[in-house]
Amino acid sequence: MTVERIQTGVRLEKRLVKVLKALAEHRDISLGDLIEGIVLHAFEGQTPFSPATLETIAQLKRIYGLELGAADSHRLVERTEKPGDEPS
């Protein structure tokens, strides 16, 4: 199916992006293709990943220190200070 794609300025949690990029590389697809697949599955109430891929994701989360889960998704607060900065 032919589609029109656009660039976006999406900001995501740093470790989450690392896991997504690694998963896309593991599956030999682009990050955009991976995200599109996840969203299209979610829109239909389907899981986008097989049990084997979920195990790969669990390993990547451990490697990149990603401890966030679905319950955290609406409670994330962006850090306003950079690591090593003095609190104001």
C-alpha atoms as a PDB file:
ATOM      1  CA  MET A   1       0.000   0.000   0.000  1.00  0.00           C
ATOM      2  CA  THR A   2       1.359   3.426  -0.927  1.00  0.00           C
ATOM      3  CA  VAL A   3       1.457   6.006   1.881  1.00  0.00           C
ATOM      4  CA  GLU A   4       2.699   9.551   2.418  1.00  0.00           C
ATOM      5  CA  ARG A   5       5.105   9.928   5.340  1.00  0.00           C
ATOM      6  CA  ILE A   6       6.082  13.106   7.173  1.00  0.00           C
ATOM      7  CA  GLN A   7       8.876  14.058   9.573  1.00  0.00           C
ATOM      8  CA  THR A   8       7.815  14.598  13.173  1.00  0.00           C
ATOM      9  CA  GLY A   9       9.406  16.217  16.172  1.00  0.00           C
ATOM     10  CA  VAL A  10       8.450  13.575  18.720  1.00  0.00           C
ATOM     11  CA  ARG A  11      10.275  13.605  22.070  1.00  0.00           C
ATOM     12  CA  LEU A  12      10.603  10.231  23.813  1.00  0.00           C
ATOM     13  CA  GLU A  13      12.339   8.922  26.922  1.00  0.00           C
ATOM     14  CA  LYS A  14      16.017   8.322  26.145  1.00  0.00           C
ATOM     15  CA  ARG A  15      16.263   4.656  27.209  1.00  0.00           C
ATOM     16  CA  LEU A  16      12.991   3.846  25.452  1.00  0.00           C
ATOM     17  CA  VAL A  17      14.446   5.185  22.192  1.00  0.00           C
ATOM     18  CA  LYS A  18      17.568   3.062  22.675  1.00  0.00           C
ATOM     19  CA  VAL A  19      15.451  -0.079  23.086  1.00  0.00           C
ATOM     20  CA  LEU A  20      13.273   0.809  20.085  1.00  0.00           C
ATOM     21  CA  LYS A  21      16.306   1.490  17.868  1.00  0.00           C
ATOM     22  CA  ALA A  22      17.956  -1.758  18.941  1.00  0.00           C
ATOM     23  CA  LEU A  23      14.755  -3.709  18.291  1.00  0.00           C
ATOM     24  CA  ALA A  24      14.370  -2.133  14.854  1.00  0.00           C
ATOM     25  CA  GLU A  25      17.998  -3.027  14.072  1.00  0.00           C
ATOM     26  CA  HIS A  26      17.417  -6.581  15.337  1.00  0.00           C
ATOM     27  CA  ARG A  27      14.412  -6.930  13.005  1.00  0.00           C
ATOM     28  CA  ASP A  28      16.262  -5.166  10.149  1.00  0.00           C
ATOM     29  CA  ILE A  29      13.600  -2.461   9.746  1.00  0.00           C
ATOM     30  CA  SER A  30      13.604   1.289  10.229  1.00  0.00           C
ATOM     31  CA  LEU A  31      12.599   2.871  13.523  1.00  0.00           C
ATOM     32  CA  GLY A  32       9.666   4.513  11.744  1.00  0.00           C
ATOM     33  CA  ASP A  33       8.446   1.166  10.375  1.00  0.00           C
ATOM     34  CA  LEU A  34       8.666  -0.353  13.856  1.00  0.00           C
ATOM     35  CA  ILE A  35       6.671   2.470  15.435  1.00  0.00           C
ATOM     36  CA  GLU A  36       4.054   2.365  12.673  1.00  0.00           C
ATOM     37  CA  GLY A  37       3.614  -1.377  13.218  1.00  0.00           C
ATOM     38  CA  ILE A  38       3.277  -0.966  16.996  1.00  0.00           C
ATOM     39  CA  VAL A  39       0.683   1.786  16.629  1.00  0.00           C
ATOM     40  CA  LEU A  40      -1.356   0.010  13.941  1.00  0.00           C
ATOM     41  CA  HIS A  41      -1.519  -3.127  16.091  1.00  0.00           C
ATOM     42  CA  ALA A  42      -2.457  -1.086  19.178  1.00  0.00           C
ATOM     43  CA  PHE A  43      -5.237   0.725  17.280  1.00  0.00           C
ATOM     44  CA  GLU A  44      -6.819  -2.683  16.618  1.00  0.00           C
ATOM     45  CA  GLY A  45      -6.303  -3.943  20.173  1.00  0.00           C
ATOM     46  CA  GLN A  46      -3.693  -6.468  19.029  1.00  0.00           C
ATOM     47  CA  THR A  47      -0.309  -7.190  20.517  1.00  0.00           C
ATOM     48  CA  PRO A  48       2.439  -6.216  18.078  1.00  0.00           C
ATOM     49  CA  PHE A  49       5.005  -8.728  19.354  1.00  0.00           C
ATOM     50  CA  SER A  50       5.385 -12.488  19.511  1.00  0.00           C
ATOM     51  CA  PRO A  51       6.567 -14.140  22.741  1.00  0.00           C
ATOM     52  CA  ALA A  52      10.061 -14.470  21.234  1.00  0.00           C
ATOM     53  CA  THR A  53      10.183 -10.761  20.400  1.00  0.00           C
ATOM     54  CA  LEU A  54       8.937  -9.903  23.896  1.00  0.00           C
ATOM     55  CA  GLU A  55      11.912 -11.841  25.294  1.00  0.00           C
ATOM     56  CA  THR A  56      14.247  -9.875  23.016  1.00  0.00           C
ATOM     57  CA  ILE A  57      12.631  -6.653  24.272  1.00  0.00           C
ATOM     58  CA  ALA A  58      13.121  -7.778  27.895  1.00  0.00           C
ATOM     59  CA  GLN A  59      16.818  -8.377  27.186  1.00  0.00           C
ATOM     60  CA  LEU A  60      17.187  -4.977  25.506  1.00  0.00           C
ATOM     61  CA  LYS A  61      15.421  -3.280  28.424  1.00  0.00           C
ATOM     62  CA  ARG A  62      17.942  -4.867  30.805  1.00  0.00           C
ATOM     63  CA  ILE A  63      20.873  -3.824  28.605  1.00  0.00           C
ATOM     64  CA  TYR A  64      19.701  -0.201  28.407  1.00  0.00           C
ATOM     65  CA  GLY A  65      18.388   0.059  31.975  1.00  0.00           C
ATOM     66  CA  LEU A  66      14.775   0.678  30.963  1.00  0.00           C
ATOM     67  CA  GLU A  67      12.613  -0.081  33.985  1.00  0.00           C
ATOM     68  CA  LEU A  68       9.505   1.800  32.831  1.00  0.00           C
ATOM     69  CA  GLY A  69       6.300  -0.087  32.181  1.00  0.00           C
ATOM     70  CA  ALA A  70       2.828   0.645  30.848  1.00  0.00           C
ATOM     71  CA  ALA A  71       1.637   1.852  34.261  1.00  0.00           C
ATOM     72  CA  ASP A  72       4.270   4.611  34.104  1.00  0.00           C
ATOM     73  CA  SER A  73       3.117   5.960  30.737  1.00  0.00           C
ATOM     74  CA  HIS A  74       0.959   8.824  32.035  1.00  0.00           C
ATOM     75  CA  ARG A  75       3.067   9.638  35.088  1.00  0.00           C
ATOM     76  CA  LEU A  76       6.380  10.582  33.479  1.00  0.00           C
ATOM     77  CA  VAL A  77       7.807  13.991  34.344  1.00  0.00           C
ATOM     78  CA  GLU A  78      10.635  15.409  32.272  1.00  0.00           C
ATOM     79  CA  ARG A  79      13.803  16.314  34.143  1.00  0.00           C
ATOM     80  CA  THR A  80      14.429  20.052  33.976  1.00  0.00           C
ATOM     81  CA  GLU A  81      18.035  19.846  35.145  1.00  0.00           C
ATOM     82  CA  LYS A  82      20.807  18.039  33.348  1.00  0.00           C
ATOM     83  CA  PRO A  83      22.786  15.409  35.274  1.00  0.00           C
ATOM     84  CA  GLY A  84      25.523  17.143  37.242  1.00  0.00           C
ATOM     85  CA  ASP A  85      23.760  20.531  37.294  1.00  0.00           C
ATOM     86  CA  GLU A  86      23.319  22.244  40.640  1.00  0.00           C
ATOM     87  CA  PRO A  87      19.658  22.571  41.737  1.00  0.00           C
ATOM     88  CA  SER A  88      18.471  26.165  41.486  1.00  0.00           C
END
